[in-house]
Amino acid sequence: MSWDFERIAGPFGGTTEGPVWDGEALLFSHIPACLILRYDPKTGNTTEYFTDSNFTNGLCADAQGNLYGCQSGGRRIVRFEKDGKTITSLPHTLDGMRHNNPNDLAVDKQGRIWFTDPYSGTGDSGPQELDHMSVLRLDPAGGDQWELQRVTTDISRPNGVLISRDQQTLYVAQSDYGIERRRELRAYPINADGSLGSYTTLHTFGVDHRGAQRGVDGMTLDVDGNIIVCAGWEAAGPGPMIYVFSPTGRVLATHPLRVDRPTNCCFGDADMKTLYVTTGGGYLFRARTEHTGWIMWP
């Protein structure tokens, strides 16, 4: 079954990212405008949900409906409070040095926040302080206190991140863009103590005569544990694409997108069968699918 992608909002001018379904509408980031927008499928209207987000990229809700985001310009993970005005900052130094520019995040059933921390120099965030780009994790320590730690040492530029439905696997996009760099979808086993085991490469993106293929950016899950990812660009490879991978990395389907650089995706609507997709050009698309999405909340 091919998916018919419908443009429902945009272009806004600059990258849209971080789509997350809140039970009634879709929230997503307009990064350069420092906005979180809300698309209401009942009315077709897109409105401002949060302003002054400081270049927030990825968004994710926890099991209680709290909304967290990767505030790339502020170099931290933040919580967007339900009053629609307050932003709470979480710990943002590791070994005395600031994060790079947090990109994407996933919250597990224990409330731990796993996030990728590449350096991009977003906004006026300043020079890189850490000597690595890694996956980090914030663990709740009671009383709204958090403990921060590094969980990968074997990745050079992490991008999208996702936790399997059974909470046993962390999927991470390794997304360097140079021809000699690795662009992979990786699966790390999550050990009982929260550490990660050795990863399995589920898919590798190669090069052609035009250059390097663009690897995985954002991704989401269906109820069967399949991984739906945004990848590809017009510069090389098969083009802008939504891939459906099995948990073992088998390519189950590919669905071309008619605009360049899909950035992130999530399922939504009452039956969770609509896939919403953001793009590098600032669009919001949707398509009805044969898959049913899975999220912890609502």
Protein backbone atom coordinates (compact mmCIF):
# COMPACT_ATOMS: atom_id res chain seq x y z
CA MET A 1 0.00 0.00 0.00
CA SER A 2 1.44 3.35 -1.05
CA TRP A 3 0.95 6.34 1.22
CA ASP A 4 -0.54 9.54 -0.15
CA PHE A 5 1.09 12.44 1.69
CA GLU A 6 -1.08 15.55 2.02
CA ARG A 7 0.43 18.93 2.86
CA ILE A 8 -1.58 20.32 5.77
CA ALA A 9 0.58 23.21 6.98
CA GLY A 10 3.54 25.30 5.88
CA PRO A 11 5.97 26.08 4.56
CA PHE A 12 6.83 28.14 7.61
CA GLY A 13 10.34 29.05 6.47
CA GLY A 14 13.02 26.89 8.04
CA THR A 15 12.95 23.47 9.63
CA THR A 16 9.96 21.94 11.37
CA GLU A 17 10.65 19.05 13.76
CA GLY A 18 9.63 17.12 16.87
CA PRO A 19 6.03 16.07 16.10
CA VAL A 20 4.19 14.60 19.10
CA TRP A 21 0.51 13.65 19.43
CA ASP A 22 -1.21 15.02 22.55
CA GLY A 23 -4.44 13.04 22.25
CA GLU A 24 -6.35 15.72 20.35
CA ALA A 25 -3.84 17.57 18.19
CA LEU A 26 -0.30 17.52 16.90
CA LEU A 27 2.46 19.58 18.52
CA PHE A 28 5.61 20.30 16.51
CA SER A 29 8.61 22.63 16.58
CA HIS A 30 9.32 25.47 14.18
CA ILE A 31 12.97 25.70 15.08
CA PRO A 32 14.16 29.04 13.57
CA ALA A 33 11.08 30.90 14.85
CA CYS A 34 11.55 29.46 18.37
CA LEU A 35 7.94 28.27 18.39
CA ILE A 36 6.04 25.13 19.27
CA LEU A 37 2.99 24.96 17.06
CA ARG A 38 -0.26 23.02 17.44
CA TYR A 39 -2.14 21.56 14.48
CA ASP A 40 -5.80 20.72 15.15
CA PRO A 41 -7.02 18.07 12.67
CA LYS A 42 -10.66 18.90 13.45
CA THR A 43 -10.36 22.51 12.28
CA GLY A 44 -7.24 22.35 10.11
CA ASN A 45 -5.83 25.35 12.02
CA THR A 46 -2.24 25.72 13.20
CA THR A 47 -1.74 27.96 16.22
CA GLU A 48 1.09 28.96 18.54
CA TYR A 49 1.30 26.63 21.54
CA PHE A 50 4.56 27.85 23.15
CA THR A 51 6.69 30.87 22.24
CA ASP A 52 10.33 31.73 22.98
CA SER A 53 11.36 28.06 22.87
CA ASN A 54 15.03 28.95 22.17
CA PHE A 55 15.39 26.78 19.06
CA THR A 56 13.74 23.70 20.56
CA ASN A 57 14.07 20.68 18.28
CA GLY A 58 12.77 17.26 19.43
CA LEU A 59 9.71 16.88 21.66
CA CYS A 60 8.47 13.92 23.70
CA ALA A 61 5.80 13.32 26.34
CA ASP A 62 6.31 11.08 29.36
CA ALA A 63 3.77 8.58 30.71
CA GLN A 64 2.04 11.37 32.70
CA GLY A 65 1.73 13.73 29.73
CA ASN A 66 4.56 16.08 30.70
CA LEU A 67 6.13 17.57 27.57
CA TYR A 68 9.92 17.64 27.31
CA GLY A 69 12.00 19.21 24.58
CA CYS A 70 15.56 19.52 23.31
CA GLN A 71 16.26 23.24 23.68
CA SER A 72 19.15 23.37 21.22
CA GLY A 73 19.78 27.10 21.61
CA GLY A 74 19.80 26.84 25.40
CA ARG A 75 21.90 23.66 25.31
CA ARG A 76 19.62 21.79 27.67
CA ILE A 77 16.58 19.58 28.10
CA VAL A 78 13.50 21.48 29.29
CA ARG A 79 9.96 20.73 30.42
CA PHE A 80 7.14 22.80 28.97
CA GLU A 81 4.71 23.22 31.84
CA LYS A 82 0.98 22.78 31.37
CA ASP A 83 0.27 26.45 32.11
CA GLY A 84 1.50 27.18 28.57
CA LYS A 85 3.98 29.78 29.80
CA THR A 86 6.59 28.25 32.10
CA ILE A 87 9.69 26.40 30.91
CA THR A 88 11.61 24.37 33.52
CA SER A 89 15.28 23.69 32.86
CA LEU A 90 16.80 20.30 33.69
CA PRO A 91 20.50 19.76 34.62
CA HIS A 92 22.68 20.68 31.66
CA THR A 93 26.33 20.27 32.53
CA LEU A 94 28.38 17.10 32.27
CA ASP A 95 31.76 17.02 34.02
CA GLY A 96 31.44 20.79 34.45
CA MET A 97 30.84 21.47 30.76
CA ARG A 98 27.65 22.44 28.96
CA HIS A 99 25.78 20.13 26.61
CA ASN A 100 26.36 20.53 22.90
CA ASN A 101 22.99 21.16 21.19
CA PRO A 102 20.47 18.48 22.25
CA ASN A 103 18.62 17.23 19.18
CA ASP A 104 16.13 14.44 19.92
CA LEU A 105 14.86 12.59 22.98
CA ALA A 106 12.83 9.63 24.19
CA VAL A 107 11.32 9.07 27.63
CA ASP A 108 11.01 5.51 28.95
CA LYS A 109 8.44 4.05 31.34
CA GLN A 110 10.73 4.76 34.30
CA GLY A 111 10.74 8.45 33.43
CA ARG A 112 14.36 8.45 32.27
CA ILE A 113 15.08 10.88 29.43
CA TRP A 114 17.45 9.56 26.77
CA PHE A 115 18.68 12.26 24.39
CA THR A 116 21.17 12.82 21.60
CA ASP A 117 23.69 15.63 21.93
CA PRO A 118 25.41 16.56 18.66
CA TYR A 119 27.03 19.97 18.19
CA SER A 120 25.51 22.33 15.62
CA GLY A 121 26.15 25.81 17.01
CA THR A 122 22.42 26.55 16.92
CA GLY A 123 21.53 30.19 17.51
CA ASP A 124 24.06 31.97 19.70
CA SER A 125 24.80 28.89 21.76
CA GLY A 126 28.57 29.34 21.64
CA PRO A 127 31.49 26.97 21.05
CA GLN A 128 31.54 23.26 21.75
CA GLU A 129 32.79 22.45 25.27
CA LEU A 130 32.49 18.67 25.46
CA ASP A 131 35.01 16.68 23.42
CA HIS A 132 32.36 14.22 22.25
CA MET A 133 28.88 13.96 20.77
CA SER A 134 27.01 11.22 22.59
CA VAL A 135 23.72 9.89 23.86
CA LEU A 136 23.10 11.19 27.40
CA ARG A 137 20.45 10.31 29.96
CA LEU A 138 18.65 12.18 32.72
CA ASP A 139 17.41 9.93 35.54
CA PRO A 140 14.71 11.18 37.94
CA ALA A 141 16.12 11.28 41.49
CA GLY A 142 13.02 12.38 43.43
CA GLY A 143 11.71 15.83 44.27
CA ASP A 144 12.16 17.05 40.68
CA GLN A 145 15.89 16.32 40.96
CA TRP A 146 17.76 14.65 38.13
CA GLU A 147 21.04 12.84 37.61
CA LEU A 148 22.83 13.23 34.27
CA GLN A 149 25.13 10.68 32.69
CA ARG A 150 26.73 9.73 29.38
CA VAL A 151 25.56 6.36 28.02
CA THR A 152 27.45 5.98 24.70
CA THR A 153 31.13 6.24 23.87
CA ASP A 154 31.06 4.67 20.40
CA ILE A 155 29.06 7.13 18.30
CA SER A 156 30.34 10.26 16.56
CA ARG A 157 27.14 12.17 15.74
CA PRO A 158 23.85 10.84 17.16
CA ASN A 159 20.57 12.15 15.81
CA GLY A 160 17.18 10.46 16.22
CA VAL A 161 16.53 8.25 19.25
CA LEU A 162 13.70 5.85 20.11
CA ILE A 163 12.93 3.20 22.75
CA SER A 164 11.33 -0.10 21.82
CA ARG A 165 7.88 -0.88 23.12
CA ASP A 166 9.25 -3.57 25.48
CA GLN A 167 11.81 -1.04 26.82
CA GLN A 168 14.66 -3.43 26.01
CA THR A 169 16.25 -1.62 23.05
CA LEU A 170 17.44 1.90 22.32
CA TYR A 171 17.41 2.78 18.62
CA VAL A 172 19.87 5.52 17.67
CA ALA A 173 20.61 7.21 14.35
CA GLN A 174 24.32 7.67 13.69
CA SER A 175 24.16 10.55 11.23
CA ASP A 176 27.50 11.86 10.05
CA TYR A 177 27.23 13.23 6.52
CA GLY A 178 30.71 12.98 5.01
CA ILE A 179 31.39 10.29 2.42
CA GLU A 180 33.84 8.55 4.76
CA ARG A 181 31.50 8.85 7.75
CA ARG A 182 29.03 6.24 8.97
CA ARG A 183 25.29 6.70 8.58
CA GLU A 184 23.54 3.88 10.39
CA LEU A 185 20.41 2.88 12.25
CA ARG A 186 21.66 1.18 15.40
CA ALA A 187 19.99 -0.94 18.07
CA TYR A 188 21.54 -0.93 21.55
CA PRO A 189 20.31 -3.46 24.15
CA ILE A 190 19.36 -1.74 27.41
CA ASN A 191 20.82 -3.68 30.33
CA ALA A 192 19.05 -4.11 33.67
CA ASP A 193 21.32 -1.51 35.29
CA GLY A 194 20.51 1.05 32.57
CA SER A 195 23.81 0.70 30.72
CA LEU A 196 23.86 -0.10 27.03
CA GLY A 197 25.28 -3.23 25.46
CA SER A 198 27.08 -3.51 22.14
CA TYR A 199 24.97 -2.25 19.28
CA THR A 200 23.68 -4.08 16.23
CA THR A 201 23.63 -2.18 12.93
CA LEU A 202 20.14 -2.54 11.51
CA HIS A 203 20.76 -0.55 8.33
CA THR A 204 23.63 1.29 6.67
CA PHE A 205 23.22 4.21 4.26
CA GLY A 206 25.92 4.33 1.60
CA VAL A 207 27.13 6.65 -1.17
CA ASP A 208 26.55 6.97 -4.89
CA HIS A 209 28.21 8.98 -7.67
CA ARG A 210 26.63 12.17 -6.29
CA GLY A 211 27.82 11.75 -2.72
CA ALA A 212 26.65 10.42 0.62
CA GLN A 213 23.10 9.32 1.26
CA ARG A 214 21.33 11.08 4.12
CA GLY A 215 20.69 8.64 6.95
CA VAL A 216 18.00 8.47 9.60
CA ASP A 217 16.74 11.63 11.26
CA GLY A 218 13.60 11.19 13.41
CA MET A 219 11.61 7.99 13.95
CA THR A 220 8.56 6.49 15.63
CA LEU A 221 7.02 3.08 16.48
CA ASP A 222 3.94 1.13 15.51
CA VAL A 223 2.17 -1.36 17.79
CA ASP A 224 4.05 -4.26 16.20
CA GLY A 225 7.41 -2.77 17.12
CA ASN A 226 8.26 -1.68 13.59
CA ILE A 227 10.40 1.44 13.26
CA ILE A 228 9.13 4.15 10.92
CA VAL A 229 11.92 6.58 10.05
CA CYS A 230 12.54 9.78 8.10
CA ALA A 231 15.63 9.62 5.90
CA GLY A 232 17.04 10.57 2.52
CA TRP A 233 17.46 13.69 0.45
CA GLU A 234 17.61 14.71 -3.20
CA ALA A 235 21.41 15.13 -3.12
CA ALA A 236 22.15 11.38 -3.26
CA GLY A 237 20.58 7.96 -2.92
CA PRO A 238 16.92 7.10 -3.57
CA GLY A 239 15.65 10.48 -2.40
CA PRO A 240 13.47 11.73 0.47
CA MET A 241 11.84 8.67 2.00
CA ILE A 242 9.85 7.20 4.85
CA TYR A 243 11.24 3.75 5.63
CA VAL A 244 9.50 1.02 7.61
CA PHE A 245 11.98 -1.29 9.34
CA SER A 246 11.23 -4.43 11.32
CA PRO A 247 12.87 -4.61 14.78
CA THR A 248 15.63 -6.73 13.20
CA GLY A 249 16.34 -4.18 10.46
CA ARG A 250 14.50 -5.71 7.53
CA VAL A 251 13.15 -3.06 5.17
CA LEU A 252 9.41 -3.75 5.08
CA ALA A 253 8.40 -0.78 2.93
CA THR A 254 9.53 2.56 1.53
CA HIS A 255 7.31 5.57 0.86
CA PRO A 256 8.75 8.47 -1.17
CA LEU A 257 8.03 12.03 -0.04
CA ARG A 258 7.67 14.77 -2.62
CA VAL A 259 9.68 17.39 -0.72
CA ASP A 260 13.29 17.21 0.41
CA ARG A 261 14.60 16.16 3.83
CA PRO A 262 11.84 14.66 5.96
CA THR A 263 12.96 15.36 9.52
CA ASN A 264 10.67 13.54 11.95
CA CYS A 265 7.38 11.69 12.21
CA CYS A 266 4.75 10.41 14.61
CA PHE A 267 1.37 8.72 14.49
CA GLY A 268 -1.80 10.48 15.52
CA ASP A 269 -5.59 10.84 15.17
CA ALA A 270 -8.18 8.88 17.15
CA ASP A 271 -7.20 5.54 15.63
CA MET A 272 -3.44 6.32 15.56
CA LYS A 273 -3.24 5.37 11.87
CA THR A 274 -2.26 8.78 10.48
CA LEU A 275 1.46 9.46 10.10
CA TYR A 276 2.45 13.11 10.50
CA VAL A 277 5.79 14.20 8.97
CA THR A 278 7.83 17.39 9.38
CA THR A 279 10.50 18.54 6.91
CA GLY A 280 13.63 20.61 6.48
CA GLY A 281 11.68 23.09 4.39
CA GLY A 282 9.14 23.79 7.11
CA TYR A 283 6.19 21.69 5.98
CA LEU A 284 3.78 19.44 7.85
CA PHE A 285 2.43 16.45 5.94
CA ARG A 286 0.16 13.59 6.85
CA ALA A 287 -0.80 10.25 5.31
CA ARG A 288 -3.27 7.57 6.22
CA THR A 289 -1.50 4.24 6.74
CA GLU A 290 -2.19 0.58 7.44
CA HIS A 291 -0.08 0.84 10.61
CA THR A 292 -1.27 1.71 14.11
CA GLY A 293 1.15 3.88 16.03
CA TRP A 294 2.25 3.31 19.61
CA ILE A 295 3.07 5.94 22.24
CA MET A 296 3.08 5.80 26.07
CA TRP A 297 0.71 8.73 26.45
CA PRO A 298 -2.14 9.39 26.07
